[in-house]
Amino acid sequence: MSSSIVLPPGFGHVAAGLVTTAWVLGWQALVVGSYRKKSGIKYPQLYAEKAEADASKEAFLFNCAQRAHQNTIEHMPLIIVTTLVASMKHPVFAGYACGLWAVSRVLYTLGYTTGDPAKRNTRGGILGELPLFGLLLGSTYTAFGLLCSSA
């Protein structure tokens, strides 16, 4: 018995947006690895201890890079779920919103790794909140529509 999944027209935008998040996560992992090497923080230590970060700019920058990466990972379930649900009815919107969010994470990381964590949002990283909010609204609207159509 075979089954097929029918994707809405424009679903390529969703695939591109989601794949962009994978590239951003990979890039962030390389950034973290670079700062880990410079700081001398060994595995499996997740962050530099406060004393290490206070004593070494490299250790502090490692913590900043690690936190930017971790924050992106923390957002991923929300981004994936809302992108996929919203894409059922609005694939182009969902794909572009996901892609814009991913690009904003690059700006977030670049701002965070300046050594001034406040710059994570002042360098364009805050722009990711707009597509995130759009995905939340779009997926809620889609889910509600699906519920109403099945009632």
N, C-alpha and C. Protein backbone atom coordinates (compact mmCIF):
# COMPACT_ATOMS: atom_id res chain seq x y z
N MET A 1 0.85 -1.17 0.00
CA MET A 1 0.00 0.00 0.00
C MET A 1 0.90 1.23 0.00
N SER A 2 0.63 2.12 -0.93
CA SER A 2 1.44 3.33 -0.99
C SER A 2 0.57 4.54 -0.63
N SER A 3 1.23 5.49 -0.09
CA SER A 3 0.57 6.75 0.27
C SER A 3 1.34 7.88 -0.35
N SER A 4 0.67 8.97 -0.53
CA SER A 4 1.37 10.14 -1.03
C SER A 4 0.98 11.35 -0.20
N ILE A 5 1.91 12.24 -0.10
CA ILE A 5 1.68 13.50 0.61
C ILE A 5 1.59 14.58 -0.45
N VAL A 6 0.53 15.34 -0.40
CA VAL A 6 0.35 16.43 -1.35
C VAL A 6 0.76 17.73 -0.66
N LEU A 7 1.75 18.36 -1.21
CA LEU A 7 2.24 19.62 -0.64
C LEU A 7 1.58 20.78 -1.38
N PRO A 8 1.27 21.83 -0.65
CA PRO A 8 0.65 22.98 -1.32
C PRO A 8 1.64 23.65 -2.27
N PRO A 9 1.12 24.30 -3.32
CA PRO A 9 2.01 25.06 -4.21
C PRO A 9 2.79 26.09 -3.39
N GLY A 10 4.04 26.25 -3.70
CA GLY A 10 4.87 27.21 -2.96
C GLY A 10 5.59 26.60 -1.78
N PHE A 11 5.46 25.28 -1.59
CA PHE A 11 6.08 24.65 -0.42
C PHE A 11 7.61 24.67 -0.49
N GLY A 12 8.15 24.89 -1.67
CA GLY A 12 9.59 25.03 -1.79
C GLY A 12 10.13 26.17 -0.94
N HIS A 13 9.33 27.21 -0.75
CA HIS A 13 9.73 28.32 0.12
C HIS A 13 9.89 27.84 1.56
N VAL A 14 9.03 26.94 1.98
CA VAL A 14 9.10 26.39 3.34
C VAL A 14 10.37 25.57 3.48
N ALA A 15 10.63 24.72 2.51
CA ALA A 15 11.85 23.91 2.54
C ALA A 15 13.09 24.81 2.60
N ALA A 16 13.10 25.85 1.79
CA ALA A 16 14.26 26.76 1.78
C ALA A 16 14.41 27.47 3.12
N GLY A 17 13.31 27.92 3.70
CA GLY A 17 13.38 28.59 5.00
C GLY A 17 13.90 27.66 6.09
N LEU A 18 13.39 26.43 6.11
CA LEU A 18 13.84 25.48 7.13
C LEU A 18 15.29 25.07 6.93
N VAL A 19 15.70 24.88 5.70
CA VAL A 19 17.09 24.53 5.43
C VAL A 19 18.02 25.69 5.82
N THR A 20 17.55 26.91 5.63
CA THR A 20 18.35 28.07 6.04
C THR A 20 18.63 28.02 7.54
N THR A 21 17.66 27.60 8.34
CA THR A 21 17.91 27.50 9.78
C THR A 21 19.00 26.48 10.07
N ALA A 22 19.04 25.39 9.30
CA ALA A 22 20.08 24.39 9.50
C ALA A 22 21.46 24.97 9.19
N TRP A 23 21.56 25.75 8.11
CA TRP A 23 22.83 26.39 7.78
C TRP A 23 23.26 27.38 8.86
N VAL A 24 22.30 28.12 9.38
CA VAL A 24 22.63 29.08 10.44
C VAL A 24 23.12 28.35 11.69
N LEU A 25 22.45 27.28 12.07
CA LEU A 25 22.90 26.50 13.23
C LEU A 25 24.30 25.94 13.01
N GLY A 26 24.58 25.47 11.81
CA GLY A 26 25.92 24.97 11.51
C GLY A 26 26.96 26.06 11.60
N TRP A 27 26.64 27.23 11.05
CA TRP A 27 27.56 28.37 11.14
C TRP A 27 27.79 28.77 12.60
N GLN A 28 26.71 28.82 13.38
CA GLN A 28 26.86 29.16 14.80
C GLN A 28 27.75 28.15 15.52
N ALA A 29 27.61 26.87 15.19
CA ALA A 29 28.45 25.85 15.81
C ALA A 29 29.93 26.09 15.49
N LEU A 30 30.22 26.52 14.26
CA LEU A 30 31.60 26.84 13.89
C LEU A 30 32.10 28.06 14.67
N VAL A 31 31.23 29.05 14.84
CA VAL A 31 31.60 30.25 15.62
C VAL A 31 31.92 29.85 17.05
N VAL A 32 31.05 29.04 17.65
CA VAL A 32 31.29 28.58 19.03
C VAL A 32 32.59 27.81 19.11
N GLY A 33 32.83 26.92 18.15
CA GLY A 33 34.06 26.13 18.15
C GLY A 33 35.30 27.00 18.05
N SER A 34 35.22 28.05 17.25
CA SER A 34 36.33 28.97 17.11
C SER A 34 36.63 29.68 18.43
N TYR A 35 35.58 30.16 19.07
CA TYR A 35 35.77 30.84 20.36
C TYR A 35 36.19 29.85 21.45
N ARG A 36 35.72 28.62 21.38
CA ARG A 36 36.15 27.61 22.35
C ARG A 36 37.65 27.39 22.24
N LYS A 37 38.13 27.27 21.00
CA LYS A 37 39.57 27.04 20.78
C LYS A 37 40.39 28.22 21.29
N LYS A 38 39.95 29.45 20.97
CA LYS A 38 40.69 30.64 21.40
C LYS A 38 40.72 30.77 22.92
N SER A 39 39.62 30.35 23.56
CA SER A 39 39.52 30.52 25.02
C SER A 39 40.18 29.39 25.79
N GLY A 40 40.37 28.25 25.14
CA GLY A 40 40.96 27.11 25.83
C GLY A 40 39.98 26.36 26.72
N ILE A 41 38.71 26.64 26.58
CA ILE A 41 37.69 25.94 27.36
C ILE A 41 37.53 24.54 26.76
N LYS A 42 37.77 23.53 27.55
CA LYS A 42 37.77 22.15 27.06
C LYS A 42 36.37 21.53 27.18
N TYR A 43 36.11 20.57 26.29
CA TYR A 43 34.90 19.76 26.39
C TYR A 43 35.00 18.90 27.64
N PRO A 44 33.95 18.60 28.32
CA PRO A 44 32.55 18.85 28.01
C PRO A 44 32.01 20.13 28.66
N GLN A 45 32.89 21.00 29.12
CA GLN A 45 32.44 22.23 29.78
C GLN A 45 31.61 23.06 28.81
N LEU A 46 30.36 23.33 29.19
CA LEU A 46 29.42 24.02 28.31
C LEU A 46 29.72 25.51 28.22
N TYR A 47 30.08 26.12 29.34
CA TYR A 47 30.38 27.56 29.41
C TYR A 47 31.64 27.76 30.22
N ALA A 48 32.28 28.92 30.03
CA ALA A 48 33.37 29.31 30.90
C ALA A 48 32.78 29.69 32.25
N GLU A 49 33.44 29.30 33.32
CA GLU A 49 32.99 29.70 34.66
C GLU A 49 33.11 31.21 34.78
N LYS A 50 32.37 31.79 35.73
CA LYS A 50 32.38 33.24 35.91
C LYS A 50 33.79 33.78 36.10
N ALA A 51 34.57 33.11 36.93
CA ALA A 51 35.95 33.56 37.18
C ALA A 51 36.77 33.52 35.89
N GLU A 52 36.57 32.49 35.07
CA GLU A 52 37.29 32.39 33.80
C GLU A 52 36.88 33.51 32.85
N ALA A 53 35.56 33.76 32.77
CA ALA A 53 35.05 34.81 31.87
C ALA A 53 35.50 36.19 32.34
N ASP A 54 35.57 36.40 33.65
CA ASP A 54 36.03 37.69 34.18
C ASP A 54 37.52 37.91 33.92
N ALA A 55 38.27 36.82 33.90
CA ALA A 55 39.72 36.92 33.74
C ALA A 55 40.18 36.91 32.29
N SER A 56 39.32 36.46 31.38
CA SER A 56 39.75 36.29 29.99
C SER A 56 38.67 36.78 29.04
N LYS A 57 39.05 37.73 28.17
CA LYS A 57 38.10 38.21 27.17
C LYS A 57 37.67 37.09 26.23
N GLU A 58 38.62 36.21 25.89
CA GLU A 58 38.30 35.08 25.01
C GLU A 58 37.26 34.16 25.63
N ALA A 59 37.38 33.92 26.94
CA ALA A 59 36.41 33.07 27.63
C ALA A 59 35.04 33.75 27.67
N PHE A 60 35.03 35.06 27.87
CA PHE A 60 33.77 35.80 27.87
C PHE A 60 33.12 35.75 26.49
N LEU A 61 33.92 35.93 25.44
CA LEU A 61 33.39 35.86 24.08
C LEU A 61 32.89 34.46 23.74
N PHE A 62 33.57 33.44 24.26
CA PHE A 62 33.09 32.07 24.09
C PHE A 62 31.69 31.95 24.70
N ASN A 63 31.51 32.47 25.91
CA ASN A 63 30.19 32.41 26.54
C ASN A 63 29.13 33.13 25.70
N CYS A 64 29.50 34.26 25.13
CA CYS A 64 28.57 35.02 24.29
C CYS A 64 28.18 34.21 23.05
N ALA A 65 29.16 33.61 22.39
CA ALA A 65 28.88 32.81 21.20
C ALA A 65 28.04 31.58 21.56
N GLN A 66 28.40 30.94 22.65
CA GLN A 66 27.67 29.75 23.10
C GLN A 66 26.22 30.10 23.45
N ARG A 67 26.03 31.25 24.08
CA ARG A 67 24.67 31.65 24.47
C ARG A 67 23.83 31.99 23.23
N ALA A 68 24.42 32.64 22.24
CA ALA A 68 23.69 32.95 21.00
C ALA A 68 23.25 31.66 20.31
N HIS A 69 24.15 30.69 20.27
CA HIS A 69 23.83 29.41 19.65
C HIS A 69 22.74 28.68 20.46
N GLN A 70 22.89 28.65 21.76
CA GLN A 70 21.92 27.97 22.61
C GLN A 70 20.55 28.62 22.50
N ASN A 71 20.51 29.94 22.44
CA ASN A 71 19.23 30.64 22.32
C ASN A 71 18.54 30.28 21.01
N THR A 72 19.31 30.14 19.95
CA THR A 72 18.74 29.74 18.66
C THR A 72 18.18 28.32 18.77
N ILE A 73 18.93 27.43 19.38
CA ILE A 73 18.45 26.05 19.57
C ILE A 73 17.16 26.04 20.39
N GLU A 74 17.08 26.87 21.41
CA GLU A 74 15.88 26.93 22.24
C GLU A 74 14.65 27.36 21.44
N HIS A 75 14.86 28.19 20.42
CA HIS A 75 13.75 28.66 19.58
C HIS A 75 13.34 27.67 18.50
N MET A 76 14.21 26.73 18.15
CA MET A 76 13.96 25.87 17.00
C MET A 76 12.65 25.08 17.04
N PRO A 77 12.26 24.46 18.16
CA PRO A 77 10.97 23.75 18.14
C PRO A 77 9.80 24.68 17.78
N LEU A 78 9.82 25.87 18.33
CA LEU A 78 8.76 26.84 18.05
C LEU A 78 8.78 27.24 16.57
N ILE A 79 9.95 27.49 16.03
CA ILE A 79 10.07 27.89 14.63
C ILE A 79 9.62 26.77 13.70
N ILE A 80 10.07 25.55 13.96
CA ILE A 80 9.72 24.43 13.09
C ILE A 80 8.22 24.17 13.11
N VAL A 81 7.64 24.09 14.30
CA VAL A 81 6.21 23.80 14.41
C VAL A 81 5.36 24.89 13.77
N THR A 82 5.65 26.14 14.10
CA THR A 82 4.81 27.23 13.55
C THR A 82 5.00 27.37 12.04
N THR A 83 6.22 27.13 11.55
CA THR A 83 6.45 27.19 10.10
C THR A 83 5.66 26.10 9.39
N LEU A 84 5.73 24.89 9.90
CA LEU A 84 5.04 23.78 9.23
C LEU A 84 3.52 23.93 9.30
N VAL A 85 3.00 24.36 10.44
CA VAL A 85 1.54 24.52 10.54
C VAL A 85 1.07 25.67 9.66
N ALA A 86 1.74 26.81 9.73
CA ALA A 86 1.34 27.95 8.90
C ALA A 86 1.45 27.62 7.41
N SER A 87 2.41 26.78 7.06
CA SER A 87 2.64 26.46 5.64
C SER A 87 1.51 25.64 5.03
N MET A 88 0.67 25.04 5.84
CA MET A 88 -0.44 24.26 5.29
C MET A 88 -1.39 25.14 4.47
N LYS A 89 -1.52 26.39 4.86
CA LYS A 89 -2.41 27.31 4.15
C LYS A 89 -1.65 28.47 3.50
N HIS A 90 -0.50 28.81 4.04
CA HIS A 90 0.25 29.98 3.58
C HIS A 90 1.74 29.64 3.46
N PRO A 91 2.09 28.77 2.50
CA PRO A 91 3.47 28.29 2.43
C PRO A 91 4.50 29.37 2.08
N VAL A 92 4.14 30.30 1.21
CA VAL A 92 5.11 31.33 0.83
C VAL A 92 5.40 32.23 2.03
N PHE A 93 4.35 32.66 2.71
CA PHE A 93 4.53 33.48 3.91
C PHE A 93 5.37 32.73 4.94
N ALA A 94 5.02 31.47 5.21
CA ALA A 94 5.73 30.69 6.23
C ALA A 94 7.20 30.52 5.86
N GLY A 95 7.47 30.25 4.60
CA GLY A 95 8.85 30.07 4.16
C GLY A 95 9.68 31.33 4.30
N TYR A 96 9.11 32.45 3.87
CA TYR A 96 9.84 33.72 4.00
C TYR A 96 10.01 34.13 5.45
N ALA A 97 8.99 33.92 6.27
CA ALA A 97 9.10 34.27 7.69
C ALA A 97 10.18 33.44 8.37
N CYS A 98 10.22 32.15 8.06
CA CYS A 98 11.24 31.27 8.64
C CYS A 98 12.64 31.70 8.18
N GLY A 99 12.78 31.99 6.90
CA GLY A 99 14.06 32.44 6.37
C GLY A 99 14.52 33.75 6.97
N LEU A 100 13.59 34.70 7.12
CA LEU A 100 13.93 35.98 7.73
C LEU A 100 14.34 35.79 9.18
N TRP A 101 13.64 34.92 9.88
CA TRP A 101 14.04 34.63 11.27
C TRP A 101 15.46 34.08 11.31
N ALA A 102 15.78 33.16 10.38
CA ALA A 102 17.12 32.58 10.35
C ALA A 102 18.18 33.65 10.09
N VAL A 103 17.93 34.54 9.16
CA VAL A 103 18.88 35.62 8.88
C VAL A 103 19.04 36.51 10.11
N SER A 104 17.96 36.75 10.82
CA SER A 104 18.05 37.59 12.03
C SER A 104 18.94 36.95 13.08
N ARG A 105 19.03 35.61 13.07
CA ARG A 105 19.89 34.93 14.05
C ARG A 105 21.36 35.14 13.74
N VAL A 106 21.69 35.36 12.48
CA VAL A 106 23.06 35.73 12.13
C VAL A 106 23.38 37.09 12.74
N LEU A 107 22.47 38.04 12.57
CA LEU A 107 22.67 39.38 13.15
C LEU A 107 22.73 39.32 14.67
N TYR A 108 21.89 38.49 15.26
CA TYR A 108 21.87 38.29 16.71
C TYR A 108 23.24 37.78 17.19
N THR A 109 23.76 36.78 16.49
CA THR A 109 25.05 36.20 16.86
C THR A 109 26.19 37.19 16.69
N LEU A 110 26.19 37.90 15.57
CA LEU A 110 27.24 38.90 15.34
C LEU A 110 27.19 39.99 16.40
N GLY A 111 26.01 40.41 16.78
CA GLY A 111 25.89 41.41 17.84
C GLY A 111 26.34 40.88 19.18
N TYR A 112 25.93 39.66 19.50
CA TYR A 112 26.28 39.06 20.79
C TYR A 112 27.79 38.91 20.93
N THR A 113 28.45 38.52 19.85
CA THR A 113 29.89 38.24 19.92
C THR A 113 30.76 39.48 19.79
N THR A 114 30.15 40.65 19.88
CA THR A 114 30.97 41.87 19.96
C THR A 114 31.63 42.00 21.33
N GLY A 115 31.12 41.23 22.29
CA GLY A 115 31.61 41.34 23.66
C GLY A 115 30.68 42.19 24.50
N ASP A 116 29.68 42.79 23.88
CA ASP A 116 28.65 43.55 24.60
C ASP A 116 27.32 42.84 24.33
N PRO A 117 26.89 41.96 25.25
CA PRO A 117 25.67 41.18 25.01
C PRO A 117 24.43 42.02 24.68
N ALA A 118 24.39 43.27 25.09
CA ALA A 118 23.24 44.12 24.77
C ALA A 118 23.13 44.34 23.26
N LYS A 119 24.24 44.20 22.55
CA LYS A 119 24.22 44.42 21.10
C LYS A 119 23.60 43.26 20.33
N ARG A 120 23.21 42.20 21.03
CA ARG A 120 22.57 41.07 20.34
C ARG A 120 21.26 41.52 19.70
N ASN A 121 20.62 42.52 20.28
CA ASN A 121 19.36 43.02 19.74
C ASN A 121 19.49 44.37 19.05
N THR A 122 20.55 45.09 19.30
CA THR A 122 20.68 46.42 18.69
C THR A 122 21.34 46.36 17.32
N ARG A 123 21.85 45.21 16.94
CA ARG A 123 22.51 45.05 15.63
C ARG A 123 21.60 44.38 14.61
N GLY A 124 20.32 44.32 14.89
CA GLY A 124 19.36 43.72 13.97
C GLY A 124 18.80 42.40 14.44
N GLY A 125 19.33 41.85 15.53
CA GLY A 125 18.84 40.58 16.03
C GLY A 125 17.39 40.62 16.47
N ILE A 126 16.95 41.78 16.91
CA ILE A 126 15.56 41.93 17.36
C ILE A 126 14.58 41.76 16.20
N LEU A 127 15.05 41.93 14.97
CA LEU A 127 14.17 41.78 13.81
C LEU A 127 13.55 40.40 13.72
N GLY A 128 14.15 39.43 14.36
CA GLY A 128 13.62 38.07 14.35
C GLY A 128 12.31 37.93 15.09
N GLU A 129 12.01 38.89 15.95
CA GLU A 129 10.75 38.81 16.69
C GLU A 129 9.55 39.03 15.76
N LEU A 130 9.72 39.80 14.70
CA LEU A 130 8.61 40.06 13.78
C LEU A 130 8.19 38.80 13.03
N PRO A 131 9.11 38.08 12.37
CA PRO A 131 8.66 36.84 11.72
C PRO A 131 8.20 35.78 12.72
N LEU A 132 8.80 35.76 13.90
CA LEU A 132 8.35 34.80 14.92
C LEU A 132 6.90 35.07 15.30
N PHE A 133 6.58 36.33 15.54
CA PHE A 133 5.20 36.70 15.87
C PHE A 133 4.27 36.39 14.70
N GLY A 134 4.73 36.66 13.48
CA GLY A 134 3.94 36.34 12.29
C GLY A 134 3.68 34.84 12.17
N LEU A 135 4.69 34.04 12.46
CA LEU A 135 4.51 32.59 12.40
C LEU A 135 3.55 32.11 13.49
N LEU A 136 3.64 32.70 14.67
CA LEU A 136 2.70 32.35 15.74
C LEU A 136 1.26 32.67 15.32
N LEU A 137 1.06 33.86 14.78
CA LEU A 137 -0.28 34.24 14.34
C LEU A 137 -0.74 33.38 13.16
N GLY A 138 0.13 33.18 12.18
CA GLY A 138 -0.23 32.40 11.00
C GLY A 138 -0.55 30.96 11.34
N SER A 139 0.22 30.35 12.22
CA SER A 139 -0.05 28.96 12.59
C SER A 139 -1.31 28.85 13.44
N THR A 140 -1.55 29.83 14.29
CA THR A 140 -2.78 29.82 15.09
C THR A 140 -4.00 29.97 14.18
N TYR A 141 -3.92 30.88 13.23
CA TYR A 141 -5.01 31.09 12.27
C TYR A 141 -5.25 29.82 11.46
N THR A 142 -4.17 29.19 11.01
CA THR A 142 -4.29 27.95 10.23
C THR A 142 -4.91 26.83 11.07
N ALA A 143 -4.42 26.66 12.29
CA ALA A 143 -4.95 25.60 13.16
C ALA A 143 -6.43 25.84 13.45
N PHE A 144 -6.80 27.07 13.72
CA PHE A 144 -8.19 27.41 13.99
C PHE A 144 -9.05 27.10 12.76
N GLY A 145 -8.58 27.48 11.59
CA GLY A 145 -9.30 27.21 10.35
C GLY A 145 -9.48 25.72 10.12
N LEU A 146 -8.44 24.95 10.40
CA LEU A 146 -8.53 23.50 10.24
C LEU A 146 -9.53 22.89 11.23
N LEU A 147 -9.52 23.40 12.45
CA LEU A 147 -10.50 22.93 13.44
C LEU A 147 -11.92 23.23 13.02
N CYS A 148 -12.14 24.45 12.56
CA CYS A 148 -13.49 24.86 12.16
C CYS A 148 -13.98 24.10 10.94
N SER A 149 -13.08 23.78 10.02
CA SER A 149 -13.49 23.09 8.80
C SER A 149 -13.80 21.61 9.06
N SER A 150 -13.28 21.08 10.14
CA SER A 150 -13.52 19.67 10.44
C SER A 150 -14.70 19.49 11.40
N ALA A 151 -15.25 20.59 11.88
CA ALA A 151 -16.36 20.49 12.86
C ALA A 151 -17.68 20.27 12.17
